[in-house]
C-alpha atoms as a PDB file:
ATOM      1  CA  THR A   1      42.151  12.075  17.262  1.00  0.00           C
ATOM      2  CA  ASN A   2      39.517  10.542  19.539  1.00  0.00           C
ATOM      3  CA  VAL A   3      38.330   7.953  17.029  1.00  0.00           C
ATOM      4  CA  ALA A   4      35.284   6.137  18.413  1.00  0.00           C
ATOM      5  CA  VAL A   5      33.389   3.231  16.882  1.00  0.00           C
ATOM      6  CA  LYS A   6      29.880   2.465  18.070  1.00  0.00           C
ATOM      7  CA  GLY A   7      27.805  -0.505  16.926  1.00  0.00           C
ATOM      8  CA  ILE A   8      24.403   0.607  15.587  1.00  0.00           C
ATOM      9  CA  THR A   9      23.047  -2.733  14.379  1.00  0.00           C
ATOM     10  CA  LYS A  10      24.479  -6.222  13.895  1.00  0.00           C
ATOM     11  CA  THR A  11      25.832  -5.095  10.517  1.00  0.00           C
ATOM     12  CA  SER A  12      26.551  -1.364  10.901  1.00  0.00           C
ATOM     13  CA  VAL A  13      28.613   1.036  13.002  1.00  0.00           C
ATOM     14  CA  GLN A  14      29.144   4.747  13.428  1.00  0.00           C
ATOM     15  CA  VAL A  15      32.727   5.989  13.280  1.00  0.00           C
ATOM     16  CA  SER A  16      33.333   9.445  14.768  1.00  0.00           C
ATOM     17  CA  TRP A  17      36.443  11.518  15.457  1.00  0.00           C
ATOM     18  CA  THR A  18      37.750  14.946  16.419  1.00  0.00           C
ATOM     19  CA  GLY A  19      38.748  16.992  13.383  1.00  0.00           C
ATOM     20  CA  SER A  20      42.378  17.706  12.559  1.00  0.00           C
ATOM     21  CA  SER A  21      43.673  21.230  11.981  1.00  0.00           C
ATOM     22  CA  GLY A  22      44.697  21.670   8.340  1.00  0.00           C
ATOM     23  CA  ALA A  23      42.805  18.656   7.036  1.00  0.00           C
ATOM     24  CA  THR A  24      40.870  19.119   3.802  1.00  0.00           C
ATOM     25  CA  GLY A  25      39.157  15.739   4.132  1.00  0.00           C
ATOM     26  CA  TYR A  26      39.159  12.353   5.830  1.00  0.00           C
ATOM     27  CA  ASN A  27      39.324   8.741   4.721  1.00  0.00           C
ATOM     28  CA  VAL A  28      37.811   6.102   6.965  1.00  0.00           C
ATOM     29  CA  LEU A  29      39.828   2.900   6.781  1.00  0.00           C
ATOM     30  CA  TRP A  30      38.514  -0.564   7.668  1.00  0.00           C
ATOM     31  CA  THR A  31      40.151  -3.920   8.270  1.00  0.00           C
ATOM     32  CA  ASP A  32      38.960  -7.352   9.332  1.00  0.00           C
ATOM     33  CA  GLY A  33      42.542  -8.494   9.913  1.00  0.00           C
ATOM     34  CA  THR A  34      43.018  -9.959   6.430  1.00  0.00           C
ATOM     35  CA  GLN A  35      42.118  -7.070   4.156  1.00  0.00           C
ATOM     36  CA  THR A  36      42.193  -3.291   4.526  1.00  0.00           C
ATOM     37  CA  LYS A  37      40.283  -0.744   2.458  1.00  0.00           C
ATOM     38  CA  THR A  38      38.897   2.778   2.467  1.00  0.00           C
ATOM     39  CA  VAL A  39      35.169   2.585   3.251  1.00  0.00           C
ATOM     40  CA  ALA A  40      34.372   6.330   3.246  1.00  0.00           C
ATOM     41  CA  SER A  41      35.926   9.601   2.076  1.00  0.00           C
ATOM     42  CA  VAL A  42      34.424  12.830   3.420  1.00  0.00           C
ATOM     43  CA  ASN A  43      35.133  16.573   3.492  1.00  0.00           C
ATOM     44  CA  ALA A  44      36.811  18.392   6.395  1.00  0.00           C
ATOM     45  CA  ARG A  45      33.497  19.469   7.969  1.00  0.00           C
ATOM     46  CA  THR A  46      32.381  15.859   8.481  1.00  0.00           C
ATOM     47  CA  THR A  47      33.527  14.077  11.640  1.00  0.00           C
ATOM     48  CA  ALA A  48      31.208  11.050  11.745  1.00  0.00           C
ATOM     49  CA  VAL A  49      30.064   8.430   9.233  1.00  0.00           C
ATOM     50  CA  LYS A  50      27.821   5.395   9.276  1.00  0.00           C
ATOM     51  CA  ILE A  51      29.365   2.235   7.832  1.00  0.00           C
ATOM     52  CA  THR A  52      26.929  -0.487   6.714  1.00  0.00           C
ATOM     53  CA  GLY A  53      27.207  -3.925   5.148  1.00  0.00           C
ATOM     54  CA  LEU A  54      29.426  -5.460   7.811  1.00  0.00           C
ATOM     55  CA  LYS A  55      29.074  -9.108   8.773  1.00  0.00           C
ATOM     56  CA  ALA A  56      27.089  -9.935  11.930  1.00  0.00           C
ATOM     57  CA  GLY A  57      29.320 -11.556  14.537  1.00  0.00           C
ATOM     58  CA  SER A  58      32.494 -10.120  12.995  1.00  0.00           C
ATOM     59  CA  THR A  59      35.319  -8.092  14.524  1.00  0.00           C
ATOM     60  CA  ASN A  60      36.140  -4.891  12.628  1.00  0.00           C
ATOM     61  CA  SER A  61      38.812  -2.236  13.097  1.00  0.00           C
ATOM     62  CA  PHE A  62      38.645   1.357  11.867  1.00  0.00           C
ATOM     63  CA  ALA A  63      41.128   4.219  11.548  1.00  0.00           C
ATOM     64  CA  VAL A  64      40.648   7.752  10.260  1.00  0.00           C
ATOM     65  CA  GLN A  65      43.151   9.315   7.906  1.00  0.00           C
ATOM     66  CA  ALA A  66      43.309  13.129   7.748  1.00  0.00           C
ATOM     67  CA  VAL A  67      44.401  14.336   4.298  1.00  0.00           C
ATOM     68  CA  ASN A  68      45.401  17.590   2.608  1.00  0.00           C
ATOM     69  CA  ALA A  69      47.415  18.607  -0.467  1.00  0.00           C
ATOM     70  CA  THR A  70      50.762  17.916   1.239  1.00  0.00           C
ATOM     71  CA  GLY A  71      50.127  14.535   2.871  1.00  0.00           C
ATOM     72  CA  SER A  72      48.138  12.485   5.351  1.00  0.00           C
ATOM     73  CA  ALA A  73      48.160  11.315   8.962  1.00  0.00           C
ATOM     74  CA  THR A  74      46.379   8.197  10.208  1.00  0.00           C
ATOM     75  CA  SER A  75      44.901   7.634  13.669  1.00  0.00           C
ATOM     76  CA  ALA A  76      45.348   4.514  15.755  1.00  0.00           C
ATOM     77  CA  TRP A  77      42.996   1.631  14.965  1.00  0.00           C
ATOM     78  CA  THR A  78      39.826   1.182  17.041  1.00  0.00           C
ATOM     79  CA  THR A  79      38.161  -2.244  17.148  1.00  0.00           C
ATOM     80  CA  VAL A  80      34.537  -3.247  17.652  1.00  0.00           C
ATOM     81  CA  ALA A  81      32.944  -6.700  17.781  1.00  0.00           C
ATOM     82  CA  LEU A  82      29.450  -6.875  16.318  1.00  0.00           C
ATOM     83  CA  PRO A  83      26.848  -9.205  17.842  1.00  0.00           C
ATOM     84  CA  ALA A  84      26.076 -12.433  16.014  1.00  0.00           C
ATOM     85  CA  SER A  85      22.781 -13.121  14.291  1.00  0.00           C
ATOM     86  CA  VAL A  86      20.423 -15.242  16.371  1.00  0.00           C
ATOM     87  CA  PRO A  87      17.489 -16.588  14.371  1.00  0.00           C
ATOM     88  CA  PRO A  88      14.410 -17.767  16.275  1.00  0.00           C
ATOM     89  CA  ALA A  89      13.713 -21.391  17.129  1.00  0.00           C
ATOM     90  CA  ALA A  90      10.788 -23.204  15.527  1.00  0.00           C
ATOM     91  CA  VAL A  91       7.555 -23.375  17.505  1.00  0.00           C
ATOM     92  CA  GLN A  92       6.946 -26.634  19.360  1.00  0.00           C
ATOM     93  CA  GLY A  93       3.697 -28.009  20.757  1.00  0.00           C
ATOM     94  CA  LEU A  94       1.428 -26.697  18.016  1.00  0.00           C
ATOM     95  CA  ALA A  95      -2.111 -27.954  18.693  1.00  0.00           C
ATOM     96  CA  PHE A  96      -5.653 -27.220  17.574  1.00  0.00           C
ATOM     97  CA  SER A  97      -8.777 -27.862  19.641  1.00  0.00           C
ATOM     98  CA  PHE A  98     -12.317 -27.320  18.373  1.00  0.00           C
ATOM     99  CA  THR A  99     -14.597 -24.985  20.315  1.00  0.00           C
ATOM    100  CA  SER A 100     -17.481 -25.377  17.837  1.00  0.00           C
ATOM    101  CA  VAL A 101     -18.145 -26.982  14.440  1.00  0.00           C
ATOM    102  CA  SER A 102     -16.589 -24.005  12.627  1.00  0.00           C
ATOM    103  CA  SER A 103     -14.002 -22.641  15.073  1.00  0.00           C
ATOM    104  CA  GLY A 104     -11.257 -23.616  17.439  1.00  0.00           C
ATOM    105  CA  LEU A 105      -8.206 -22.560  19.375  1.00  0.00           C
ATOM    106  CA  LEU A 106      -4.720 -22.847  17.878  1.00  0.00           C
ATOM    107  CA  THR A 107      -2.052 -22.963  20.638  1.00  0.00           C
ATOM    108  CA  TRP A 108       1.722 -23.326  20.725  1.00  0.00           C
ATOM    109  CA  ASN A 109       4.697 -23.046  23.055  1.00  0.00           C
ATOM    110  CA  ALA A 110       6.717 -19.825  22.861  1.00  0.00           C
ATOM    111  CA  ALA A 111       9.813 -20.172  20.671  1.00  0.00           C
ATOM    112  CA  GLU A 112      13.206 -18.990  21.848  1.00  0.00           C
ATOM    113  CA  ASN A 113      14.258 -15.628  20.321  1.00  0.00           C
ATOM    114  CA  ALA A 114      10.908 -15.084  18.543  1.00  0.00           C
ATOM    115  CA  LEU A 115       9.774 -11.452  18.400  1.00  0.00           C
ATOM    116  CA  ARG A 116       6.695 -12.183  16.256  1.00  0.00           C
ATOM    117  CA  TYR A 117       4.651 -15.155  15.049  1.00  0.00           C
ATOM    118  CA  ARG A 118       3.010 -15.551  11.652  1.00  0.00           C
ATOM    119  CA  VAL A 119       0.025 -17.898  11.704  1.00  0.00           C
ATOM    120  CA  GLU A 120      -0.529 -19.569   8.327  1.00  0.00           C
ATOM    121  CA  VAL A 121      -3.779 -21.361   7.421  1.00  0.00           C
ATOM    122  CA  VAL A 122      -4.402 -23.326   4.208  1.00  0.00           C
ATOM    123  CA  ASP A 123      -7.821 -24.560   3.071  1.00  0.00           C
ATOM    124  CA  ALA A 124      -6.959 -27.931   1.478  1.00  0.00           C
ATOM    125  CA  VAL A 125     -10.024 -27.837  -0.819  1.00  0.00           C
ATOM    126  CA  THR A 126      -9.524 -24.395  -2.346  1.00  0.00           C
ATOM    127  CA  GLY A 127      -5.785 -24.061  -1.741  1.00  0.00           C
ATOM    128  CA  LEU A 128      -6.393 -20.569  -0.387  1.00  0.00           C
ATOM    129  CA  ALA A 129      -3.933 -19.478   2.252  1.00  0.00           C
ATOM    130  CA  SER A 130      -4.298 -16.785   4.906  1.00  0.00           C
ATOM    131  CA  ARG A 131      -1.704 -15.260   7.154  1.00  0.00           C
ATOM    132  CA  ALA A 132      -1.764 -13.079  10.231  1.00  0.00           C
ATOM    133  CA  THR A 133       1.153 -11.818  12.302  1.00  0.00           C
ATOM    134  CA  PHE A 134       1.087 -11.471  16.097  1.00  0.00           C
ATOM    135  CA  GLY A 135       3.497 -10.203  18.749  1.00  0.00           C
ATOM    136  CA  GLY A 136       5.990 -12.475  20.470  1.00  0.00           C
ATOM    137  CA  ASP A 137       3.865 -12.659  23.628  1.00  0.00           C
ATOM    138  CA  VAL A 138       0.948 -14.351  21.789  1.00  0.00           C
ATOM    139  CA  THR A 139       0.799 -18.161  22.009  1.00  0.00           C
ATOM    140  CA  SER A 140      -2.804 -18.825  21.017  1.00  0.00           C
ATOM    141  CA  VAL A 141      -5.325 -17.548  18.494  1.00  0.00           C
ATOM    142  CA  THR A 142      -8.958 -18.286  17.813  1.00  0.00           C
ATOM    143  CA  VAL A 143      -9.698 -19.524  14.296  1.00  0.00           C
ATOM    144  CA  SER A 144     -13.264 -19.145  13.051  1.00  0.00           C
ATOM    145  CA  GLY A 145     -15.222 -19.419   9.833  1.00  0.00           C
ATOM    146  CA  MET A 146     -14.133 -22.949   9.001  1.00  0.00           C
ATOM    147  CA  ARG A 147     -16.539 -25.003   6.856  1.00  0.00           C
ATOM    148  CA  ALA A 148     -17.679 -28.402   8.109  1.00  0.00           C
ATOM    149  CA  GLY A 149     -16.028 -31.295   6.303  1.00  0.00           C
ATOM    150  CA  ARG A 150     -13.158 -29.204   4.923  1.00  0.00           C
ATOM    151  CA  THR A 151      -9.546 -29.959   5.752  1.00  0.00           C
ATOM    152  CA  TYR A 152      -7.395 -27.098   7.039  1.00  0.00           C
ATOM    153  CA  GLN A 153      -3.665 -26.996   7.695  1.00  0.00           C
ATOM    154  CA  PHE A 154      -1.986 -24.690  10.199  1.00  0.00           C
ATOM    155  CA  ARG A 155       1.579 -23.765  10.982  1.00  0.00           C
ATOM    156  CA  ILE A 156       3.338 -21.063  12.943  1.00  0.00           C
ATOM    157  CA  VAL A 157       6.424 -19.227  11.666  1.00  0.00           C
ATOM    158  CA  SER A 158       8.649 -17.725  14.388  1.00  0.00           C
ATOM    159  CA  LEU A 159      10.164 -14.407  13.294  1.00  0.00           C
ATOM    160  CA  ASN A 160      12.828 -11.954  14.427  1.00  0.00           C
ATOM    161  CA  ASP A 161      15.186  -9.546  12.692  1.00  0.00           C
ATOM    162  CA  ASP A 162      17.676 -12.360  12.044  1.00  0.00           C
ATOM    163  CA  GLY A 163      15.412 -14.897  10.386  1.00  0.00           C
ATOM    164  CA  ALA A 164      12.423 -17.206  10.510  1.00  0.00           C
ATOM    165  CA  ALA A 165      11.681 -20.807  11.504  1.00  0.00           C
ATOM    166  CA  ALA A 166       8.515 -22.734  10.623  1.00  0.00           C
ATOM    167  CA  SER A 167       6.755 -25.377  12.673  1.00  0.00           C
ATOM    168  CA  ASP A 168       5.437 -28.597  11.182  1.00  0.00           C
ATOM    169  CA  TRP A 169       1.900 -28.395   9.796  1.00  0.00           C
ATOM    170  CA  VAL A 170      -1.100 -29.539  11.839  1.00  0.00           C
ATOM    171  CA  GLN A 171      -4.137 -30.704   9.870  1.00  0.00           C
ATOM    172  CA  VAL A 172      -7.756 -30.604  11.038  1.00  0.00           C
ATOM    173  CA  VAL A 173     -11.098 -31.533   9.486  1.00  0.00           C
ATOM    174  CA  ALA A 174     -13.755 -29.004  10.504  1.00  0.00           C
ATOM    175  CA  GLY A 175     -16.908 -30.373  12.053  1.00  0.00           C
ATOM    176  CA  THR A 176     -15.376 -33.738  12.925  1.00  0.00           C
ATOM    177  CA  GLY A 177     -12.967 -32.870  15.712  1.00  0.00           C
ATOM    178  CA  LEU A 178     -10.225 -34.772  13.825  1.00  0.00           C
ATOM    179  CA  THR A 179      -6.736 -33.315  14.273  1.00  0.00           C
ATOM    180  CA  THR A 180      -3.597 -34.873  12.751  1.00  0.00           C
ATOM    181  CA  ALA A 181       0.000 -33.942  12.157  1.00  0.00           C
ATOM    182  CA  ALA A 182       0.490 -33.052   8.507  1.00  0.00           C
ATOM    183  CA  GLY A 183       4.316 -32.915   8.708  1.00  0.00           C
ATOM    184  CA  LYS A 184       6.354 -30.801   6.337  1.00  0.00           C
ATOM    185  CA  ARG A 185       4.725 -28.954   3.478  1.00  0.00           C
ATOM    186  CA  GLY A 186       6.230 -26.749   0.742  1.00  0.00           C
END
């Protein structure tokens, strides 16, 4: 009795129930409306289980079946709708402005649903890349240590628990003040 289903994440739930007198164990049953299967089997002392691997944005129903040597009894079904995945939007308005020959300010507009930003910098001469991750409230960073005459490319990757989205690359030549859009890059 008292079967309860509580969403824990976008892909997992906790199913709990009140134990049944005479039960030697329980089977937790799952259905999405097209298929039904047993997703957990536990002993009589257990009255809650975590079910993982569900699909974000899906509707799932659970029932608990009390079992013993002479038979079984199944509870009513309890349904829960899990929230959908919402990946972040790509950063817009990425710009770089020089503050000296070897440094500048990289700025961007906040991206919808971004919890973090990863700033990626590539030195076009050496091919060396660097990355740094910042909180979702950061929309500018100071870049220093650039060498005059070298070309650098920057992009921002918006991140959250549901995915990532990359901005286009912006290209600058240190020491010249030249900033151009580099477009897409691998």
